[in-house]
Amino acid sequence: MRFDARLLAAFFAIYVIWGSTYLAIRVAVETIPPLATAGLRHLLAGAILFLWARAFQARITATEWRASLVVAVLFFLIGHGTLHWAEQIVPSGVAALLVATEPLWIAILMPSRGGSRWSVHMIGGLAAGLVGVAFLVPPEAFTAGSGQLWGASAILIGAASWALGVRYSATAPLPRDPFVRASTTLLCGATLLLTASAVTGELARVDLRAISGASLLGLAYLIICGSVVAFSAYTWLLERCSATLVATHTYVNPLIAVALGWLFAGEPLTVRIALATGLIVSAVLLLKAESTREIAAAGEPVCGQPARATASD
């Protein structure tokens, strides 16, 4: 697989920057309601990218807006909505590890290129991932009304939704340009999240005087680095590389998130979390190896020039 400078920069963005956003989310939702945080994050990021796209006279069809809305439901309303809400309860490092199950969901939802038969790599990866998730949920979480269990379950639902979004976006009639595509999905996601925030009463409870400077800095980092930079890189990579390869950001993200949570937020780094980290990273590596083997067997590049068909082609 041959990487150029743009591919290296894009993978750096989804590996390292996205790994740091879990701590930024935790800081932001301390004094800003979670759905409002996610909605404002995507609204401002989407507006920046949309204005950039319009400067080059990009045209967006009604079909492309509809497809962007579907992706926004899966990626942002469910995927990010559950994550931002859960990080009020679940430590940022643990949240990142739970999101790291995304390649497991992709492996389940996306049929193997060689047919329905599962390989040893795939079965081993799925088993290791499931055991790793089990390690992340402590026994006391299963007591009645446990917030940890609800939070962990919400994040897993969000990870599965994101995987569905990856599958849908692979063939959906989205805008061809990656920056336009990022802007339309971000703006649709922002609309959905802010509507949900209003319906649930979040917006009515916002006290501007209670919002801390740290939360505002966290939100600003999420807007510029997490959404404008990293999500644009993510959408650009999805049209050039296999979905499972792009999803390997999930085995670097938790390592970054766990380290930052421990260093800057005092989150515990226990033996249980260390074991879960090893199992989930191993699971993703096994699935990555299986995906690379299938692509090589089919004679297709793991990463290359855009090959994704769109309605405008």
Protein backbone atom coordinates (compact mmCIF):
# COMPACT_ATOMS: atom_id res chain seq x y z
CA MET A 1 0.00 0.00 0.00
CA ARG A 2 1.50 3.33 -1.06
CA PHE A 3 0.79 6.41 1.01
CA ASP A 4 1.18 9.97 -0.23
CA ALA A 5 1.46 13.03 2.00
CA ARG A 6 -2.29 13.69 1.89
CA LEU A 7 -3.11 10.16 3.01
CA LEU A 8 -0.61 10.39 5.87
CA ALA A 9 -2.06 13.72 7.01
CA ALA A 10 -5.62 12.42 6.78
CA PHE A 11 -4.84 9.30 8.80
CA PHE A 12 -3.01 11.43 11.39
CA ALA A 13 -6.17 13.53 11.73
CA ILE A 14 -8.51 10.58 12.32
CA TYR A 15 -5.99 8.69 14.48
CA VAL A 16 -4.62 11.41 16.78
CA ILE A 17 -7.02 14.36 16.63
CA TRP A 18 -10.11 12.19 17.00
CA GLY A 19 -8.41 10.39 19.88
CA SER A 20 -8.09 13.70 21.72
CA THR A 21 -11.70 14.74 21.14
CA TYR A 22 -13.03 12.35 23.81
CA LEU A 23 -11.39 14.44 26.53
CA ALA A 24 -12.62 17.62 24.82
CA ILE A 25 -16.19 16.26 24.83
CA ARG A 26 -15.94 15.44 28.53
CA VAL A 27 -14.77 18.99 29.30
CA ALA A 28 -17.41 20.60 27.05
CA VAL A 29 -20.39 18.71 28.50
CA GLU A 30 -19.44 19.61 32.07
CA THR A 31 -21.30 22.93 31.73
CA ILE A 32 -22.94 22.74 28.25
CA PRO A 33 -25.80 20.23 27.72
CA PRO A 34 -24.62 17.27 25.59
CA LEU A 35 -27.03 17.48 22.65
CA ALA A 36 -26.52 21.25 22.49
CA THR A 37 -22.75 20.71 22.56
CA ALA A 38 -22.90 18.25 19.65
CA GLY A 39 -25.38 20.43 17.74
CA LEU A 40 -23.35 23.64 18.09
CA ARG A 41 -20.17 21.76 17.24
CA HIS A 42 -21.56 20.48 13.96
CA LEU A 43 -23.48 23.66 13.11
CA LEU A 44 -20.41 25.90 13.20
CA ALA A 45 -18.14 23.33 11.58
CA GLY A 46 -20.69 22.64 8.84
CA ALA A 47 -21.18 26.37 8.22
CA ILE A 48 -17.44 26.89 7.82
CA LEU A 49 -17.14 24.06 5.31
CA PHE A 50 -20.35 25.06 3.50
CA LEU A 51 -19.15 28.65 3.01
CA TRP A 52 -15.83 27.27 1.75
CA ALA A 53 -17.67 25.02 -0.71
CA ARG A 54 -19.97 27.82 -1.89
CA ALA A 55 -16.92 30.02 -2.54
CA PHE A 56 -16.05 27.54 -5.29
CA GLN A 57 -19.68 27.60 -6.52
CA ALA A 58 -20.43 24.04 -5.49
CA ARG A 59 -23.93 22.87 -6.45
CA ILE A 60 -25.88 20.53 -4.17
CA THR A 61 -28.94 18.68 -5.43
CA ALA A 62 -32.05 17.76 -3.47
CA THR A 63 -31.08 14.08 -3.77
CA GLU A 64 -27.70 14.82 -2.20
CA TRP A 65 -29.33 16.70 0.68
CA ARG A 66 -31.67 13.76 1.34
CA ALA A 67 -28.76 11.31 1.38
CA SER A 68 -26.84 13.67 3.69
CA LEU A 69 -29.82 13.69 6.06
CA VAL A 70 -29.79 9.88 6.30
CA VAL A 71 -26.05 9.88 7.03
CA ALA A 72 -26.58 12.63 9.60
CA VAL A 73 -29.16 10.54 11.47
CA LEU A 74 -26.78 7.59 11.69
CA PHE A 75 -23.50 9.46 12.27
CA PHE A 76 -24.56 12.44 14.34
CA LEU A 77 -28.05 12.23 15.84
CA ILE A 78 -27.54 8.65 17.06
CA GLY A 79 -23.75 8.20 16.87
CA HIS A 80 -22.61 11.49 18.38
CA GLY A 81 -25.77 12.22 20.33
CA THR A 82 -25.37 9.07 22.42
CA LEU A 83 -21.61 9.64 22.87
CA HIS A 84 -21.93 13.23 24.08
CA TRP A 85 -24.74 12.25 26.46
CA ALA A 86 -22.89 9.22 27.81
CA GLU A 87 -19.68 11.12 28.53
CA GLN A 88 -21.50 12.80 31.40
CA ILE A 89 -21.35 9.36 33.07
CA VAL A 90 -18.66 7.27 31.37
CA PRO A 91 -14.95 8.25 31.54
CA SER A 92 -13.59 9.55 28.22
CA GLY A 93 -11.06 6.71 27.87
CA VAL A 94 -13.71 4.04 28.41
CA ALA A 95 -16.01 5.84 25.95
CA ALA A 96 -13.27 5.71 23.31
CA LEU A 97 -12.77 1.98 23.90
CA LEU A 98 -16.49 1.34 23.46
CA VAL A 99 -16.56 3.37 20.25
CA ALA A 100 -13.62 1.21 19.12
CA THR A 101 -16.14 -1.60 18.53
CA GLU A 102 -17.10 0.17 15.27
CA PRO A 103 -15.01 -2.22 13.07
CA LEU A 104 -16.74 -5.17 14.77
CA TRP A 105 -20.11 -3.76 13.76
CA ILE A 106 -18.83 -3.06 10.23
CA ALA A 107 -17.58 -6.66 9.97
CA ILE A 108 -21.02 -7.93 11.02
CA LEU A 109 -23.04 -5.52 8.85
CA MET A 110 -20.85 -5.63 5.73
CA PRO A 111 -20.82 -9.09 4.12
CA SER A 112 -17.43 -10.63 3.38
CA ARG A 113 -16.25 -10.22 -0.21
CA GLY A 114 -15.63 -13.95 -0.32
CA GLY A 115 -19.16 -14.87 0.69
CA SER A 116 -20.99 -15.51 3.93
CA ARG A 117 -18.27 -17.74 5.41
CA TRP A 118 -16.40 -16.17 8.33
CA SER A 119 -12.64 -16.67 8.59
CA VAL A 120 -10.64 -17.49 11.72
CA HIS A 121 -9.40 -13.88 11.79
CA MET A 122 -12.93 -12.51 11.75
CA ILE A 123 -14.26 -14.92 14.40
CA GLY A 124 -11.22 -14.27 16.62
CA GLY A 125 -11.56 -10.52 16.20
CA LEU A 126 -15.25 -10.51 17.07
CA ALA A 127 -14.69 -12.74 20.09
CA ALA A 128 -11.80 -10.62 21.40
CA GLY A 129 -13.82 -7.45 20.92
CA LEU A 130 -16.84 -8.78 22.78
CA VAL A 131 -14.70 -9.96 25.70
CA GLY A 132 -12.97 -6.57 25.75
CA VAL A 133 -16.32 -4.79 25.99
CA ALA A 134 -17.31 -7.12 28.83
CA PHE A 135 -14.15 -6.11 30.73
CA LEU A 136 -15.06 -2.44 30.34
CA VAL A 137 -18.36 -2.81 32.16
CA PRO A 138 -17.65 -3.42 35.88
CA PRO A 139 -19.90 -5.86 37.81
CA GLU A 140 -21.42 -3.03 39.87
CA ALA A 141 -22.74 -1.50 36.63
CA PHE A 142 -25.39 -4.24 36.48
CA THR A 143 -27.14 -3.00 39.62
CA ALA A 144 -30.57 -1.50 39.14
CA GLY A 145 -30.50 1.98 37.65
CA SER A 146 -26.73 2.00 37.06
CA GLY A 147 -25.69 5.03 35.02
CA GLN A 148 -22.53 3.25 33.84
CA LEU A 149 -24.56 0.49 32.19
CA TRP A 150 -26.91 2.96 30.50
CA GLY A 151 -23.99 5.06 29.33
CA ALA A 152 -22.02 2.10 27.97
CA SER A 153 -25.12 0.75 26.20
CA ALA A 154 -25.79 4.13 24.60
CA ILE A 155 -22.23 4.33 23.24
CA LEU A 156 -22.46 0.81 21.78
CA ILE A 157 -25.73 1.75 20.05
CA GLY A 158 -23.99 4.83 18.67
CA ALA A 159 -21.05 2.75 17.39
CA ALA A 160 -23.44 0.37 15.60
CA SER A 161 -25.28 3.35 14.10
CA TRP A 162 -22.00 4.83 12.85
CA ALA A 163 -21.15 1.49 11.21
CA LEU A 164 -24.52 1.53 9.44
CA GLY A 165 -23.72 5.05 8.27
CA VAL A 166 -20.41 3.87 6.82
CA ARG A 167 -22.22 1.11 4.94
CA TYR A 168 -24.91 3.47 3.64
CA SER A 169 -22.49 6.24 2.63
CA ALA A 170 -20.44 3.80 0.52
CA THR A 171 -23.13 3.79 -2.17
CA ALA A 172 -25.38 6.74 -1.27
CA PRO A 173 -25.83 9.65 -3.74
CA LEU A 174 -23.85 12.07 -1.59
CA PRO A 175 -22.02 15.14 -2.96
CA ARG A 176 -18.90 14.09 -4.84
CA ASP A 177 -16.54 16.64 -3.29
CA PRO A 178 -15.47 15.48 0.22
CA PHE A 179 -15.64 18.99 1.72
CA VAL A 180 -19.13 19.58 0.32
CA ARG A 181 -20.14 16.11 1.55
CA ALA A 182 -18.80 16.87 5.02
CA SER A 183 -20.61 20.22 5.14
CA THR A 184 -24.02 18.87 4.13
CA THR A 185 -23.92 15.98 6.60
CA LEU A 186 -22.66 18.23 9.42
CA LEU A 187 -25.39 20.82 8.81
CA CYS A 188 -28.09 18.14 8.68
CA GLY A 189 -26.69 16.60 11.85
CA ALA A 190 -26.63 19.96 13.62
CA THR A 191 -30.29 20.56 12.71
CA LEU A 192 -31.30 17.16 14.08
CA LEU A 193 -29.25 17.49 17.30
CA LEU A 194 -30.43 21.03 18.10
CA THR A 195 -34.02 19.99 17.42
CA ALA A 196 -33.58 17.04 19.80
CA SER A 197 -32.01 19.38 22.35
CA ALA A 198 -35.03 21.70 22.13
CA VAL A 199 -37.57 18.87 22.29
CA THR A 200 -35.93 17.36 25.38
CA GLY A 201 -35.83 20.74 27.11
CA GLU A 202 -32.04 21.07 27.08
CA LEU A 203 -31.94 24.44 25.35
CA ALA A 204 -34.45 25.92 27.78
CA ARG A 205 -32.20 24.91 30.70
CA VAL A 206 -29.00 26.43 29.32
CA ASP A 207 -27.53 29.03 31.68
CA LEU A 208 -24.99 31.06 29.75
CA ARG A 209 -23.47 32.43 32.98
CA ALA A 210 -22.76 28.89 34.19
CA ILE A 211 -20.77 27.89 31.10
CA SER A 212 -17.07 27.67 32.01
CA GLY A 213 -14.13 28.86 29.95
CA ALA A 214 -12.81 25.30 29.84
CA SER A 215 -16.07 24.06 28.29
CA LEU A 216 -15.94 26.81 25.67
CA LEU A 217 -12.35 25.88 24.81
CA GLY A 218 -13.38 22.23 24.56
CA LEU A 219 -16.23 23.16 22.23
CA ALA A 220 -13.93 25.30 20.07
CA TYR A 221 -11.46 22.40 19.77
CA LEU A 222 -14.27 20.04 18.77
CA ILE A 223 -15.48 22.47 16.10
CA ILE A 224 -12.14 23.23 14.44
CA CYS A 225 -10.09 20.09 15.02
CA GLY A 226 -12.70 17.39 15.61
CA SER A 227 -15.19 18.34 12.91
CA VAL A 228 -13.69 20.71 10.32
CA VAL A 229 -10.31 18.98 10.11
CA ALA A 230 -10.81 15.36 11.20
CA PHE A 231 -14.31 14.73 9.79
CA SER A 232 -13.30 16.24 6.43
CA ALA A 233 -10.29 13.91 6.43
CA TYR A 234 -12.57 10.99 7.32
CA THR A 235 -15.00 11.61 4.45
CA TRP A 236 -12.06 12.07 2.07
CA LEU A 237 -10.53 8.76 3.15
CA LEU A 238 -13.79 6.82 2.85
CA GLU A 239 -13.84 7.35 -0.91
CA ARG A 240 -10.20 6.27 -1.32
CA CYS A 241 -9.72 3.41 1.15
CA SER A 242 -11.66 0.38 2.35
CA ALA A 243 -14.18 1.11 5.11
CA THR A 244 -12.53 -1.35 7.49
CA LEU A 245 -9.09 0.21 6.92
CA VAL A 246 -10.44 3.69 7.63
CA ALA A 247 -12.11 2.29 10.75
CA THR A 248 -8.68 1.35 12.12
CA HIS A 249 -8.62 4.84 13.64
CA THR A 250 -10.59 3.15 16.41
CA TYR A 251 -7.58 1.19 17.65
CA VAL A 252 -5.43 4.33 17.98
CA ASN A 253 -8.17 6.64 19.30
CA PRO A 254 -8.68 4.74 22.58
CA LEU A 255 -4.94 4.65 23.29
CA ILE A 256 -4.79 8.45 22.91
CA ALA A 257 -8.03 8.94 24.85
CA VAL A 258 -7.07 6.67 27.76
CA ALA A 259 -3.67 8.37 28.09
CA LEU A 260 -5.11 11.89 27.97
CA GLY A 261 -7.93 11.03 30.38
CA TRP A 262 -5.39 9.62 32.84
CA LEU A 263 -2.96 12.53 32.47
CA PHE A 264 -5.34 15.48 32.45
CA ALA A 265 -8.63 14.34 33.96
CA GLY A 266 -7.50 11.90 36.64
CA GLU A 267 -9.39 8.99 35.09
CA PRO A 268 -8.37 5.62 36.55
CA LEU A 269 -6.08 3.35 34.56
CA THR A 270 -6.94 -0.05 36.05
CA VAL A 271 -5.93 -3.60 35.15
CA ARG A 272 -9.47 -4.14 33.83
CA ILE A 273 -9.15 -1.17 31.45
CA ALA A 274 -5.66 -2.28 30.37
CA LEU A 275 -6.98 -5.78 29.54
CA ALA A 276 -9.95 -4.33 27.67
CA THR A 277 -7.65 -2.05 25.70
CA GLY A 278 -5.45 -4.98 24.66
CA LEU A 279 -8.40 -7.13 23.65
CA ILE A 280 -10.19 -4.44 21.64
CA VAL A 281 -7.01 -3.31 19.88
CA SER A 282 -6.24 -6.96 19.06
CA ALA A 283 -9.77 -7.42 17.73
CA VAL A 284 -9.48 -4.43 15.40
CA LEU A 285 -6.05 -5.56 14.19
CA LEU A 286 -7.43 -9.02 13.36
CA LEU A 287 -10.33 -7.49 11.44
CA LYS A 288 -7.96 -5.12 9.63
CA ALA A 289 -5.79 -8.07 8.59
CA GLU A 290 -8.85 -9.91 7.28
CA SER A 291 -10.05 -6.87 5.33
CA THR A 292 -6.61 -6.32 3.80
CA ARG A 293 -6.41 -10.01 2.81
CA GLU A 294 -9.81 -9.90 1.09
CA ILE A 295 -8.98 -6.73 -0.82
CA ALA A 296 -5.61 -8.13 -1.93
CA ALA A 297 -7.30 -11.36 -3.06
CA ALA A 298 -9.72 -9.31 -5.14
CA GLY A 299 -6.82 -7.44 -6.75
CA GLU A 300 -8.02 -4.07 -5.44
CA PRO A 301 -5.89 -1.38 -3.77
CA VAL A 302 -6.39 -0.84 -0.05
CA CYS A 303 -5.99 2.88 -0.68
CA GLY A 304 -5.90 4.65 -4.01
CA GLN A 305 -7.66 7.13 -6.23
CA PRO A 306 -11.36 7.86 -5.77
CA ALA A 307 -13.47 4.99 -7.03
CA ARG A 308 -16.74 5.71 -5.33
CA ALA A 309 -19.73 6.02 -7.63
CA THR A 310 -22.13 8.89 -7.04
CA ALA A 311 -25.37 10.07 -8.57
CA SER A 312 -23.53 12.93 -10.29
CA ASP A 313 -21.09 10.61 -12.09
